[in-house]
C-alpha cells in the first residue's frame, strides 16, 4: 500500500523529501517507520511534532548513536531488562542449507532516555 510519494530532485536524496512527504500525511497517533537513511534529528522532530511515534533503523556507520543504542541494550541485558519495557519476537527461517534464528527486542527509548542513561544526546 502506498500512502504518498514525492519525487526527489536529480542531485538530492530521500532525506530532503521525507519532511515534504510527512507534511502530506495525517500521522497523528501512528507509528512511522523508516530505514537508516531517515534517522535524522529534523525528521524525528517533525514526526513527534505531528503527533506520531517512530521506529528507526540504525547502521554501524551512524557512529555515536549506534554505539549508544548498543550500550543501552548491553546494559539492559546485564540487568536482566529490569525496569526496561520491551517486546521480544523471534523468527526461525530454514533455507540454503542453514537455520537462521533472529531475535528482535524493541524498547521504547527516547533520545532523552539515552541521554539520562549514558550522558549522550541521541538522535
PDB file of N, CA and C in Angstrom:
ATOM      1  N   UNK A   1       0.836  -1.161   0.000  1.00  0.00           N
ATOM      2  CA  UNK A   1       0.000   0.000   0.000  1.00  0.00           C
ATOM      3  C   UNK A   1       0.895   1.242   0.000  1.00  0.00           C
ATOM      4  N   UNK A   2       0.644   2.129  -0.893  1.00  0.00           N
ATOM      5  CA  UNK A   2       1.384   3.388  -0.952  1.00  0.00           C
ATOM      6  C   UNK A   2       0.469   4.493  -0.449  1.00  0.00           C
ATOM      7  N   UNK A   3       0.938   5.218   0.576  1.00  0.00           N
ATOM      8  CA  UNK A   3       0.147   6.305   1.147  1.00  0.00           C
ATOM      9  C   UNK A   3       0.512   7.655   0.546  1.00  0.00           C
ATOM     10  N   UNK A   4       1.699   7.751   0.017  1.00  0.00           N
ATOM     11  CA  UNK A   4       2.147   9.005  -0.570  1.00  0.00           C
ATOM     12  C   UNK A   4       3.470   8.803  -1.264  1.00  0.00           C
ATOM     13  N   UNK A   5       3.786   9.737  -2.123  1.00  0.00           N
ATOM     14  CA  UNK A   5       5.026   9.626  -2.883  1.00  0.00           C
ATOM     15  C   UNK A   5       5.482  11.023  -3.264  1.00  0.00           C
ATOM     16  N   UNK A   6       6.793  11.270  -3.141  1.00  0.00           N
ATOM     17  CA  UNK A   6       7.380  12.545  -3.533  1.00  0.00           C
ATOM     18  C   UNK A   6       8.635  12.231  -4.330  1.00  0.00           C
ATOM     19  N   UNK A   7       8.768  12.855  -5.491  1.00  0.00           N
ATOM     20  CA  UNK A   7       9.946  12.629  -6.341  1.00  0.00           C
ATOM     21  C   UNK A   7      11.113  13.456  -5.816  1.00  0.00           C
ATOM     22  N   UNK A   8      12.279  12.830  -5.772  1.00  0.00           N
ATOM     23  CA  UNK A   8      13.480  13.558  -5.368  1.00  0.00           C
ATOM     24  C   UNK A   8      14.077  14.264  -6.577  1.00  0.00           C
ATOM     25  N   UNK A   9      14.731  15.373  -6.320  1.00  0.00           N
ATOM     26  CA  UNK A   9      15.451  16.064  -7.377  1.00  0.00           C
ATOM     27  C   UNK A   9      16.634  15.213  -7.817  1.00  0.00           C
ATOM     28  N   UNK A  10      17.131  15.468  -9.011  1.00  0.00           N
ATOM     29  CA  UNK A  10      18.228  14.676  -9.566  1.00  0.00           C
ATOM     30  C   UNK A  10      19.463  14.653  -8.668  1.00  0.00           C
ATOM     31  N   UNK A  11      19.800  15.771  -8.042  1.00  0.00           N
ATOM     32  CA  UNK A  11      21.006  15.841  -7.224  1.00  0.00           C
ATOM     33  C   UNK A  11      20.658  15.845  -5.733  1.00  0.00           C
ATOM     34  N   UNK A  12      19.647  15.077  -5.349  1.00  0.00           N
ATOM     35  CA  UNK A  12      19.201  15.037  -3.969  1.00  0.00           C
ATOM     36  C   UNK A  12      19.025  13.587  -3.544  1.00  0.00           C
ATOM     37  N   UNK A  13      18.460  13.400  -2.345  1.00  0.00           N
ATOM     38  CA  UNK A  13      18.150  12.056  -1.871  1.00  0.00           C
ATOM     39  C   UNK A  13      16.903  12.098  -0.996  1.00  0.00           C
ATOM     40  N   UNK A  14      16.551  10.953  -0.440  1.00  0.00           N
ATOM     41  CA  UNK A  14      15.309  10.857   0.318  1.00  0.00           C
ATOM     42  C   UNK A  14      15.278  11.744   1.561  1.00  0.00           C
ATOM     43  N   UNK A  15      16.446  12.037   2.134  1.00  0.00           N
ATOM     44  CA  UNK A  15      16.481  12.850   3.354  1.00  0.00           C
ATOM     45  C   UNK A  15      15.782  14.192   3.132  1.00  0.00           C
ATOM     46  N   UNK A  16      15.931  14.762   1.962  1.00  0.00           N
ATOM     47  CA  UNK A  16      15.349  16.081   1.709  1.00  0.00           C
ATOM     48  C   UNK A  16      13.846  16.024   1.447  1.00  0.00           C
ATOM     49  N   UNK A  17      13.332  14.884   0.995  1.00  0.00           N
ATOM     50  CA  UNK A  17      11.903  14.826   0.662  1.00  0.00           C
ATOM     51  C   UNK A  17      11.051  14.133   1.721  1.00  0.00           C
ATOM     52  N   UNK A  18      11.678  13.438   2.665  1.00  0.00           N
ATOM     53  CA  UNK A  18      10.883  12.809   3.728  1.00  0.00           C
ATOM     54  C   UNK A  18      10.047  13.849   4.469  1.00  0.00           C
ATOM     55  N   UNK A  19      10.611  15.004   4.850  1.00  0.00           N
ATOM     56  CA  UNK A  19       9.776  16.012   5.514  1.00  0.00           C
ATOM     57  C   UNK A  19       8.602  16.488   4.649  1.00  0.00           C
ATOM     58  N   UNK A  20       8.829  16.627   3.351  1.00  0.00           N
ATOM     59  CA  UNK A  20       7.733  17.021   2.445  1.00  0.00           C
ATOM     60  C   UNK A  20       6.641  15.966   2.444  1.00  0.00           C
ATOM     61  N   UNK A  21       7.033  14.717   2.365  1.00  0.00           N
ATOM     62  CA  UNK A  21       6.069  13.627   2.360  1.00  0.00           C
ATOM     63  C   UNK A  21       5.300  13.576   3.671  1.00  0.00           C
ATOM     64  N   UNK A  22       6.000  13.725   4.784  1.00  0.00           N
ATOM     65  CA  UNK A  22       5.328  13.696   6.085  1.00  0.00           C
ATOM     66  C   UNK A  22       4.265  14.783   6.204  1.00  0.00           C
ATOM     67  N   UNK A  23       4.544  15.965   5.637  1.00  0.00           N
ATOM     68  CA  UNK A  23       3.573  17.063   5.684  1.00  0.00           C
ATOM     69  C   UNK A  23       2.265  16.697   5.002  1.00  0.00           C
ATOM     70  N   UNK A  24       2.312  15.814   4.017  1.00  0.00           N
ATOM     71  CA  UNK A  24       1.099  15.456   3.270  1.00  0.00           C
ATOM     72  C   UNK A  24       0.286  14.369   3.960  1.00  0.00           C
ATOM     73  N   UNK A  25       0.850  13.761   4.999  1.00  0.00           N
ATOM     74  CA  UNK A  25       0.192  12.636   5.646  1.00  0.00           C
ATOM     75  C   UNK A  25      -0.354  13.007   7.017  1.00  0.00           C
ATOM     76  N   UNK A  26      -1.508  12.465   7.347  1.00  0.00           N
ATOM     77  CA  UNK A  26      -2.073  12.612   8.691  1.00  0.00           C
ATOM     78  C   UNK A  26      -1.532  11.445   9.510  1.00  0.00           C
ATOM     79  N   UNK A  27      -0.493  11.700  10.319  1.00  0.00           N
ATOM     80  CA  UNK A  27       0.178  10.617  11.033  1.00  0.00           C
ATOM     81  C   UNK A  27      -0.078  10.644  12.536  1.00  0.00           C
ATOM     82  N   UNK A  28      -0.878  11.571  13.002  1.00  0.00           N
ATOM     83  CA  UNK A  28      -1.142  11.666  14.437  1.00  0.00           C
ATOM     84  C   UNK A  28      -1.656  10.329  14.956  1.00  0.00           C
ATOM     85  N   UNK A  29      -1.027   9.841  16.031  1.00  0.00           N
ATOM     86  CA  UNK A  29      -1.422   8.580  16.627  1.00  0.00           C
ATOM     87  C   UNK A  29      -0.867   7.352  15.924  1.00  0.00           C
ATOM     88  N   UNK A  30      -0.063   7.556  14.876  1.00  0.00           N
ATOM     89  CA  UNK A  30       0.503   6.441  14.106  1.00  0.00           C
ATOM     90  C   UNK A  30       1.953   6.178  14.535  1.00  0.00           C
ATOM     91  N   UNK A  31       2.499   5.096  14.024  1.00  0.00           N
ATOM     92  CA  UNK A  31       3.908   4.784  14.203  1.00  0.00           C
ATOM     93  C   UNK A  31       4.554   4.852  12.821  1.00  0.00           C
ATOM     94  N   UNK A  32       5.530   5.723  12.687  1.00  0.00           N
ATOM     95  CA  UNK A  32       6.239   5.910  11.423  1.00  0.00           C
ATOM     96  C   UNK A  32       7.529   5.101  11.479  1.00  0.00           C
ATOM     97  N   UNK A  33       7.748   4.302  10.460  1.00  0.00           N
ATOM     98  CA  UNK A  33       8.998   3.539  10.380  1.00  0.00           C
ATOM     99  C   UNK A  33       9.803   4.038   9.189  1.00  0.00           C
ATOM    100  N   UNK A  34      11.105   3.965   9.324  1.00  0.00           N
ATOM    101  CA  UNK A  34      11.981   4.361   8.236  1.00  0.00           C
ATOM    102  C   UNK A  34      13.279   3.573   8.321  1.00  0.00           C
ATOM    103  N   UNK A  35      13.957   3.482   7.209  1.00  0.00           N
ATOM    104  CA  UNK A  35      15.253   2.822   7.231  1.00  0.00           C
ATOM    105  C   UNK A  35      16.286   3.802   7.806  1.00  0.00           C
ATOM    106  N   UNK A  36      17.523   3.380   7.841  1.00  0.00           N
ATOM    107  CA  UNK A  36      18.572   4.178   8.474  1.00  0.00           C
ATOM    108  C   UNK A  36      18.754   5.552   7.839  1.00  0.00           C
ATOM    109  N   UNK A  37      18.421   5.688   6.576  1.00  0.00           N
ATOM    110  CA  UNK A  37      18.575   6.979   5.907  1.00  0.00           C
ATOM    111  C   UNK A  37      17.692   8.052   6.560  1.00  0.00           C
ATOM    112  N   UNK A  38      16.537   7.656   7.068  1.00  0.00           N
ATOM    113  CA  UNK A  38      15.617   8.603   7.689  1.00  0.00           C
ATOM    114  C   UNK A  38      15.896   8.882   9.150  1.00  0.00           C
ATOM    115  N   UNK A  39      16.980   8.354   9.675  1.00  0.00           N
ATOM    116  CA  UNK A  39      17.340   8.545  11.081  1.00  0.00           C
ATOM    117  C   UNK A  39      18.063   9.884  11.222  1.00  0.00           C
ATOM    118  N   UNK A  40      17.274  10.956  11.178  1.00  0.00           N
ATOM    119  CA  UNK A  40      17.792  12.321  11.217  1.00  0.00           C
ATOM    120  C   UNK A  40      17.037  13.108  12.282  1.00  0.00           C
ATOM    121  N   UNK A  41      17.741  13.976  13.019  1.00  0.00           N
ATOM    122  CA  UNK A  41      17.114  14.744  14.099  1.00  0.00           C
ATOM    123  C   UNK A  41      15.894  15.517  13.617  1.00  0.00           C
ATOM    124  N   UNK A  42      16.015  16.174  12.476  1.00  0.00           N
ATOM    125  CA  UNK A  42      14.919  17.005  11.982  1.00  0.00           C
ATOM    126  C   UNK A  42      13.699  16.155  11.621  1.00  0.00           C
ATOM    127  N   UNK A  43      13.943  14.997  11.046  1.00  0.00           N
ATOM    128  CA  UNK A  43      12.838  14.112  10.671  1.00  0.00           C
ATOM    129  C   UNK A  43      12.139  13.585  11.916  1.00  0.00           C
ATOM    130  N   UNK A  44      12.919  13.175  12.913  1.00  0.00           N
ATOM    131  CA  UNK A  44      12.337  12.692  14.173  1.00  0.00           C
ATOM    132  C   UNK A  44      11.519  13.796  14.829  1.00  0.00           C
ATOM    133  N   UNK A  45      12.061  14.992  14.850  1.00  0.00           N
ATOM    134  CA  UNK A  45      11.355  16.130  15.459  1.00  0.00           C
ATOM    135  C   UNK A  45      10.018  16.371  14.755  1.00  0.00           C
ATOM    136  N   UNK A  46      10.026  16.301  13.443  1.00  0.00           N
ATOM    137  CA  UNK A  46       8.794  16.521  12.679  1.00  0.00           C
ATOM    138  C   UNK A  46       7.760  15.430  12.969  1.00  0.00           C
ATOM    139  N   UNK A  47       8.206  14.192  13.034  1.00  0.00           N
ATOM    140  CA  UNK A  47       7.292  13.086  13.330  1.00  0.00           C
ATOM    141  C   UNK A  47       6.629  13.315  14.682  1.00  0.00           C
ATOM    142  N   UNK A  48       7.420  13.665  15.681  1.00  0.00           N
ATOM    143  CA  UNK A  48       6.884  13.912  17.020  1.00  0.00           C
ATOM    144  C   UNK A  48       5.970  15.135  17.018  1.00  0.00           C
ATOM    145  N   UNK A  49       6.380  16.195  16.344  1.00  0.00           N
ATOM    146  CA  UNK A  49       5.552  17.405  16.269  1.00  0.00           C
ATOM    147  C   UNK A  49       4.206  17.135  15.615  1.00  0.00           C
ATOM    148  N   UNK A  50       4.165  16.166  14.711  1.00  0.00           N
ATOM    149  CA  UNK A  50       2.906  15.811  14.045  1.00  0.00           C
ATOM    150  C   UNK A  50       2.102  14.786  14.848  1.00  0.00           C
ATOM    151  N   UNK A  51       2.570  14.468  16.061  1.00  0.00           N
ATOM    152  CA  UNK A  51       1.799  13.623  16.966  1.00  0.00           C
ATOM    153  C   UNK A  51       1.961  12.130  16.765  1.00  0.00           C
ATOM    154  N   UNK A  52       3.041  11.708  16.136  1.00  0.00           N
ATOM    155  CA  UNK A  52       3.258  10.279  15.883  1.00  0.00           C
ATOM    156  C   UNK A  52       4.455   9.769  16.683  1.00  0.00           C
ATOM    157  N   UNK A  53       4.559   8.464  16.739  1.00  0.00           N
ATOM    158  CA  UNK A  53       5.732   7.799  17.295  1.00  0.00           C
ATOM    159  C   UNK A  53       6.560   7.280  16.127  1.00  0.00           C
ATOM    160  N   UNK A  54       7.739   6.762  16.419  1.00  0.00           N
ATOM    161  CA  UNK A  54       8.601   6.322  15.328  1.00  0.00           C
ATOM    162  C   UNK A  54       9.424   5.103  15.727  1.00  0.00           C
ATOM    163  N   UNK A  55       9.801   4.335  14.724  1.00  0.00           N
ATOM    164  CA  UNK A  55      10.751   3.239  14.846  1.00  0.00           C
ATOM    165  C   UNK A  55      11.786   3.478  13.758  1.00  0.00           C
ATOM    166  N   UNK A  56      13.044   3.611  14.175  1.00  0.00           N
ATOM    167  CA  UNK A  56      14.111   3.912  13.230  1.00  0.00           C
ATOM    168  C   UNK A  56      15.100   2.766  13.151  1.00  0.00           C
ATOM    169  N   UNK A  57      15.635   2.552  11.988  1.00  0.00           N
ATOM    170  CA  UNK A  57      16.711   1.584  11.808  1.00  0.00           C
ATOM    171  C   UNK A  57      18.041   2.299  11.987  1.00  0.00           C
ATOM    172  N   UNK A  58      18.992   1.587  12.528  1.00  0.00           N
ATOM    173  CA  UNK A  58      20.338   2.129  12.690  1.00  0.00           C
ATOM    174  C   UNK A  58      21.334   1.217  12.003  1.00  0.00           C
ATOM    175  N   UNK A  59      22.397   1.814  11.517  1.00  0.00           N
ATOM    176  CA  UNK A  59      23.506   1.051  10.960  1.00  0.00           C
ATOM    177  C   UNK A  59      24.776   1.449  11.699  1.00  0.00           C
ATOM    178  N   UNK A  60      25.769   0.591  11.605  1.00  0.00           N
ATOM    179  CA  UNK A  60      27.035   0.850  12.279  1.00  0.00           C
ATOM    180  C   UNK A  60      27.714   2.133  11.856  1.00  0.00           C
ATOM    181  N   UNK A  61      27.412   2.610  10.644  1.00  0.00           N
ATOM    182  CA  UNK A  61      28.053   3.846  10.186  1.00  0.00           C
ATOM    183  C   UNK A  61      27.406   5.095  10.786  1.00  0.00           C
ATOM    184  N   UNK A  62      26.439   4.902  11.678  1.00  0.00           N
ATOM    185  CA  UNK A  62      25.832   6.051  12.342  1.00  0.00           C
ATOM    186  C   UNK A  62      26.479   6.269  13.705  1.00  0.00           C
ATOM    187  N   UNK A  63      27.744   5.976  13.750  1.00  0.00           N
ATOM    188  CA  UNK A  63      28.666   6.268  14.837  1.00  0.00           C
ATOM    189  C   UNK A  63      28.128   6.260  16.244  1.00  0.00           C
ATOM    190  N   UNK A  64      28.090   7.440  16.851  1.00  0.00           N
ATOM    191  CA  UNK A  64      27.801   7.535  18.278  1.00  0.00           C
ATOM    192  C   UNK A  64      26.388   7.075  18.621  1.00  0.00           C
ATOM    193  N   UNK A  65      25.406   7.357  17.788  1.00  0.00           N
ATOM    194  CA  UNK A  65      24.048   6.931  18.092  1.00  0.00           C
ATOM    195  C   UNK A  65      23.948   5.410  18.093  1.00  0.00           C
ATOM    196  N   UNK A  66      24.559   4.776  17.103  1.00  0.00           N
ATOM    197  CA  UNK A  66      24.557   3.307  17.052  1.00  0.00           C
ATOM    198  C   UNK A  66      25.205   2.753  18.311  1.00  0.00           C
ATOM    199  N   UNK A  67      26.322   3.329  18.732  1.00  0.00           N
ATOM    200  CA  UNK A  67      27.034   2.872  19.925  1.00  0.00           C
ATOM    201  C   UNK A  67      26.172   3.084  21.170  1.00  0.00           C
ATOM    202  N   UNK A  68      25.475   4.211  21.259  1.00  0.00           N
ATOM    203  CA  UNK A  68      24.617   4.490  22.409  1.00  0.00           C
ATOM    204  C   UNK A  68      23.516   3.450  22.546  1.00  0.00           C
ATOM    205  N   UNK A  69      22.889   3.111  21.432  1.00  0.00           N
ATOM    206  CA  UNK A  69      21.815   2.126  21.454  1.00  0.00           C
ATOM    207  C   UNK A  69      22.381   0.754  21.800  1.00  0.00           C
ATOM    208  N   UNK A  70      23.533   0.446  21.244  1.00  0.00           N
ATOM    209  CA  UNK A  70      24.188  -0.821  21.554  1.00  0.00           C
ATOM    210  C   UNK A  70      24.475  -0.920  23.052  1.00  0.00           C
ATOM    211  N   UNK A  71      25.004   0.143  23.641  1.00  0.00           N
ATOM    212  CA  UNK A  71      25.271   0.175  25.082  1.00  0.00           C
ATOM    213  C   UNK A  71      23.989   0.041  25.892  1.00  0.00           C
ATOM    214  N   UNK A  72      22.920   0.688  25.433  1.00  0.00           N
ATOM    215  CA  UNK A  72      21.636   0.590  26.118  1.00  0.00           C
ATOM    216  C   UNK A  72      21.209  -0.870  26.237  1.00  0.00           C
ATOM    217  N   UNK A  73      21.258  -1.598  25.109  1.00  0.00           N
ATOM    218  CA  UNK A  73      20.834  -2.995  25.126  1.00  0.00           C
ATOM    219  C   UNK A  73      21.800  -3.872  25.917  1.00  0.00           C
ATOM    220  N   UNK A  74      23.090  -3.592  25.843  1.00  0.00           N
ATOM    221  CA  UNK A  74      24.053  -4.367  26.637  1.00  0.00           C
ATOM    222  C   UNK A  74      23.782  -4.183  28.128  1.00  0.00           C
ATOM    223  N   UNK A  75      23.588  -2.931  28.553  1.00  0.00           N
ATOM    224  CA  UNK A  75      23.295  -2.655  29.963  1.00  0.00           C
ATOM    225  C   UNK A  75      21.990  -3.309  30.401  1.00  0.00           C
ATOM    226  N   UNK A  76      20.967  -3.171  29.556  1.00  0.00           N
ATOM    227  CA  UNK A  76      19.665  -3.746  29.890  1.00  0.00           C
ATOM    228  C   UNK A  76      19.769  -5.262  30.025  1.00  0.00           C
ATOM    229  N   UNK A  77      20.515  -5.888  29.128  1.00  0.00           N
ATOM    230  CA  UNK A  77      20.667  -7.343  29.187  1.00  0.00           C
ATOM    231  C   UNK A  77      21.402  -7.761  30.458  1.00  0.00           C
ATOM    232  N   UNK A  78      22.462  -7.032  30.806  1.00  0.00           N
ATOM    233  CA  UNK A  78      23.215  -7.339  32.029  1.00  0.00           C
ATOM    234  C   UNK A  78      22.313  -7.265  33.253  1.00  0.00           C
ATOM    235  N   UNK A  79      21.361  -6.324  33.239  1.00  0.00           N
ATOM    236  CA  UNK A  79      20.453  -6.126  34.370  1.00  0.00           C
ATOM    237  C   UNK A  79      19.190  -6.973  34.250  1.00  0.00           C
ATOM    238  N   UNK A  80      19.186  -7.909  33.296  1.00  0.00           N
ATOM    239  CA  UNK A  80      18.019  -8.764  33.105  1.00  0.00           C
ATOM    240  C   UNK A  80      16.788  -7.990  32.664  1.00  0.00           C
ATOM    241  N   UNK A  81      17.002  -6.875  31.988  1.00  0.00           N
ATOM    242  CA  UNK A  81      15.935  -5.996  31.495  1.00  0.00           C
ATOM    243  C   UNK A  81      15.053  -5.468  32.633  1.00  0.00           C
ATOM    244  N   UNK A  82      15.628  -5.431  33.834  1.00  0.00           N
ATOM    245  CA  UNK A  82      14.911  -4.864  34.980  1.00  0.00           C
ATOM    246  C   UNK A  82      14.630  -3.387  34.700  1.00  0.00           C
ATOM    247  N   UNK A  83      13.424  -2.962  34.912  1.00  0.00           N
ATOM    248  CA  UNK A  83      12.998  -1.574  34.697  1.00  0.00           C
ATOM    249  C   UNK A  83      13.052  -1.140  33.236  1.00  0.00           C
ATOM    250  N   UNK A  84      13.134  -2.086  32.303  1.00  0.00           N
ATOM    251  CA  UNK A  84      13.146  -1.757  30.879  1.00  0.00           C
ATOM    252  C   UNK A  84      11.941  -2.432  30.229  1.00  0.00           C
ATOM    253  N   UNK A  85      11.047  -1.633  29.714  1.00  0.00           N
ATOM    254  CA  UNK A  85       9.898  -2.174  28.990  1.00  0.00           C
ATOM    255  C   UNK A  85      10.401  -2.684  27.654  1.00  0.00           C
ATOM    256  N   UNK A  86       9.970  -3.882  27.279  1.00  0.00           N
ATOM    257  CA  UNK A  86      10.438  -4.412  25.997  1.00  0.00           C
ATOM    258  C   UNK A  86       9.456  -5.440  25.458  1.00  0.00           C
ATOM    259  N   UNK A  87       9.529  -5.624  24.159  1.00  0.00           N
ATOM    260  CA  UNK A  87       8.821  -6.704  23.493  1.00  0.00           C
ATOM    261  C   UNK A  87       9.861  -7.508  22.741  1.00  0.00           C
ATOM    262  N   UNK A  88       9.678  -8.810  22.716  1.00  0.00           N
ATOM    263  CA  UNK A  88      10.626  -9.691  22.042  1.00  0.00           C
ATOM    264  C   UNK A  88       9.884 -10.531  21.015  1.00  0.00           C
ATOM    265  N   UNK A  89      10.495 -10.685  19.867  1.00  0.00           N
ATOM    266  CA  UNK A  89       9.912 -11.501  18.800  1.00  0.00           C
ATOM    267  C   UNK A  89      11.047 -12.303  18.164  1.00  0.00           C
ATOM    268  N   UNK A  90      10.822 -13.588  17.970  1.00  0.00           N
ATOM    269  CA  UNK A  90      11.836 -14.455  17.369  1.00  0.00           C
ATOM    270  C   UNK A  90      11.277 -15.106  16.118  1.00  0.00           C
ATOM    271  N   UNK A  91      12.101 -15.138  15.075  1.00  0.00           N
ATOM    272  CA  UNK A  91      11.731 -15.841  13.849  1.00  0.00           C
ATOM    273  C   UNK A  91      12.781 -16.902  13.556  1.00  0.00           C
ATOM    274  N   UNK A  92      12.339 -17.975  12.943  1.00  0.00           N
ATOM    275  CA  UNK A  92      13.245 -19.039  12.527  1.00  0.00           C
ATOM    276  C   UNK A  92      12.975 -19.313  11.056  1.00  0.00           C
ATOM    277  N   UNK A  93      14.019 -19.214  10.244  1.00  0.00           N
ATOM    278  CA  UNK A  93      13.913 -19.475   8.812  1.00  0.00           C
ATOM    279  C   UNK A  93      14.881 -20.591   8.444  1.00  0.00           C
ATOM    280  N   UNK A  94      14.401 -21.506   7.607  1.00  0.00           N
ATOM    281  CA  UNK A  94      15.234 -22.596   7.124  1.00  0.00           C
ATOM    282  C   UNK A  94      15.383 -22.437   5.616  1.00  0.00           C
ATOM    283  N   UNK A  95      16.603 -22.454   5.149  1.00  0.00           N
ATOM    284  CA  UNK A  95      16.840 -22.330   3.711  1.00  0.00           C
ATOM    285  C   UNK A  95      18.314 -22.245   3.412  1.00  0.00           C
ATOM    286  N   UNK A  96      18.662 -22.584   2.206  1.00  0.00           N
ATOM    287  CA  UNK A  96      20.051 -22.522   1.746  1.00  0.00           C
ATOM    288  C   UNK A  96      20.984 -23.326   2.653  1.00  0.00           C
ATOM    289  N   UNK A  97      20.468 -24.441   3.183  1.00  0.00           N
ATOM    290  CA  UNK A  97      21.300 -25.321   3.993  1.00  0.00           C
ATOM    291  C   UNK A  97      21.591 -24.832   5.392  1.00  0.00           C
ATOM    292  N   UNK A  98      20.814 -23.884   5.880  1.00  0.00           N
ATOM    293  CA  UNK A  98      21.074 -23.387   7.236  1.00  0.00           C
ATOM    294  C   UNK A  98      19.765 -22.983   7.916  1.00  0.00           C
ATOM    295  N   UNK A  99      19.846 -22.876   9.213  1.00  0.00           N
ATOM    296  CA  UNK A  99      18.723 -22.400  10.020  1.00  0.00           C
ATOM    297  C   UNK A  99      19.131 -21.044  10.578  1.00  0.00           C
ATOM    298  N   UNK A 100      18.314 -20.034  10.308  1.00  0.00           N
ATOM    299  CA  UNK A 100      18.598 -18.689  10.822  1.00  0.00           C
ATOM    300  C   UNK A 100      17.559 -18.336  11.873  1.00  0.00           C
ATOM    301  N   UNK A 101      18.032 -18.029  13.057  1.00  0.00           N
ATOM    302  CA  UNK A 101      17.158 -17.596  14.147  1.00  0.00           C
ATOM    303  C   UNK A 101      17.466 -16.135  14.416  1.00  0.00           C
ATOM    304  N   UNK A 102      16.445 -15.302  14.336  1.00  0.00           N
ATOM    305  CA  UNK A 102      16.605 -13.871  14.611  1.00  0.00           C
ATOM    306  C   UNK A 102      15.714 -13.511  15.785  1.00  0.00           C
ATOM    307  N   UNK A 103      16.283 -12.793  16.740  1.00  0.00           N
ATOM    308  CA  UNK A 103      15.519 -12.318  17.882  1.00  0.00           C
ATOM    309  C   UNK A 103      15.524 -10.804  17.861  1.00  0.00           C
ATOM    310  N   UNK A 104      14.343 -10.226  17.917  1.00  0.00           N
ATOM    311  CA  UNK A 104      14.175  -8.771  17.899  1.00  0.00           C
ATOM    312  C   UNK A 104      13.724  -8.338  19.278  1.00  0.00           C
ATOM    313  N   UNK A 105      14.388  -7.343  19.821  1.00  0.00           N
ATOM    314  CA  UNK A 105      13.967  -6.748  21.089  1.00  0.00           C
ATOM    315  C   UNK A 105      13.690  -5.276  20.821  1.00  0.00           C
ATOM    316  N   UNK A 106      12.493  -4.874  21.145  1.00  0.00           N
ATOM    317  CA  UNK A 106      12.086  -3.496  20.904  1.00  0.00           C
ATOM    318  C   UNK A 106      11.804  -2.851  22.248  1.00  0.00           C
ATOM    319  N   UNK A 107      12.475  -1.725  22.486  1.00  0.00           N
ATOM    320  CA  UNK A 107      12.292  -0.976  23.728  1.00  0.00           C
ATOM    321  C   UNK A 107      11.942   0.465  23.375  1.00  0.00           C
ATOM    322  N   UNK A 108      10.943   1.018  24.043  1.00  0.00           N
ATOM    323  CA  UNK A 108      10.655   2.440  23.808  1.00  0.00           C
ATOM    324  C   UNK A 108      11.720   3.300  24.480  1.00  0.00           C
ATOM    325  N   UNK A 109      12.639   3.810  23.676  1.00  0.00           N
ATOM    326  CA  UNK A 109      13.726   4.634  24.186  1.00  0.00           C
ATOM    327  C   UNK A 109      13.716   5.945  23.432  1.00  0.00           C
ATOM    328  N   UNK A 110      13.662   7.023  24.162  1.00  0.00           N
ATOM    329  CA  UNK A 110      13.720   8.338  23.538  1.00  0.00           C
ATOM    330  C   UNK A 110      15.157   8.838  23.577  1.00  0.00           C
ATOM    331  N   UNK A 111      15.477   9.822  22.744  1.00  0.00           N
ATOM    332  CA  UNK A 111      16.821  10.402  22.827  1.00  0.00           C
ATOM    333  C   UNK A 111      17.144  10.898  24.232  1.00  0.00           C
ATOM    334  N   UNK A 112      16.153  11.479  24.927  1.00  0.00           N
ATOM    335  CA  UNK A 112      16.417  11.950  26.290  1.00  0.00           C
ATOM    336  C   UNK A 112      16.653  10.775  27.224  1.00  0.00           C
ATOM    337  N   UNK A 113      16.026   9.620  26.946  1.00  0.00           N
ATOM    338  CA  UNK A 113      16.269   8.422  27.740  1.00  0.00           C
ATOM    339  C   UNK A 113      17.693   7.927  27.574  1.00  0.00           C
ATOM    340  N   UNK A 114      18.212   7.988  26.358  1.00  0.00           N
ATOM    341  CA  UNK A 114      19.602   7.626  26.131  1.00  0.00           C
ATOM    342  C   UNK A 114      20.519   8.599  26.851  1.00  0.00           C
ATOM    343  N   UNK A 115      20.146   9.866  26.816  1.00  0.00           N
ATOM    344  CA  UNK A 115      20.972  10.889  27.443  1.00  0.00           C
ATOM    345  C   UNK A 115      21.048  10.666  28.951  1.00  0.00           C
ATOM    346  N   UNK A 116      19.894  10.375  29.578  1.00  0.00           N
ATOM    347  CA  UNK A 116      19.902  10.137  31.023  1.00  0.00           C
ATOM    348  C   UNK A 116      20.733   8.914  31.365  1.00  0.00           C
ATOM    349  N   UNK A 117      20.670   7.898  30.531  1.00  0.00           N
ATOM    350  CA  UNK A 117      21.343   6.636  30.820  1.00  0.00           C
ATOM    351  C   UNK A 117      22.835   6.708  30.521  1.00  0.00           C
ATOM    352  N   UNK A 118      23.219   7.388  29.446  1.00  0.00           N
ATOM    353  CA  UNK A 118      24.617   7.383  29.010  1.00  0.00           C
ATOM    354  C   UNK A 118      25.235   8.768  28.872  1.00  0.00           C
ATOM    355  N   UNK A 119      24.497   9.811  29.196  1.00  0.00           N
ATOM    356  CA  UNK A 119      25.050  11.154  29.109  1.00  0.00           C
ATOM    357  C   UNK A 119      25.304  11.620  27.688  1.00  0.00           C
ATOM    358  N   UNK A 120      24.465  11.154  26.751  1.00  0.00           N
ATOM    359  CA  UNK A 120      24.657  11.495  25.349  1.00  0.00           C
ATOM    360  C   UNK A 120      23.437  12.247  24.839  1.00  0.00           C
ATOM    361  N   UNK A 121      23.506  12.664  23.593  1.00  0.00           N
ATOM    362  CA  UNK A 121      22.425  13.476  23.040  1.00  0.00           C
ATOM    363  C   UNK A 121      21.462  12.710  22.153  1.00  0.00           C
ATOM    364  N   UNK A 122      21.772  11.514  21.730  1.00  0.00           N
ATOM    365  CA  UNK A 122      20.849  10.730  20.911  1.00  0.00           C
ATOM    366  C   UNK A 122      20.609  11.320  19.531  1.00  0.00           C
ATOM    367  N   UNK A 123      19.455  10.967  18.960  1.00  0.00           N
ATOM    368  CA  UNK A 123      19.102  11.413  17.599  1.00  0.00           C
ATOM    369  C   UNK A 123      18.937  12.904  17.585  1.00  0.00           C
TER     370      UNK A 123
END
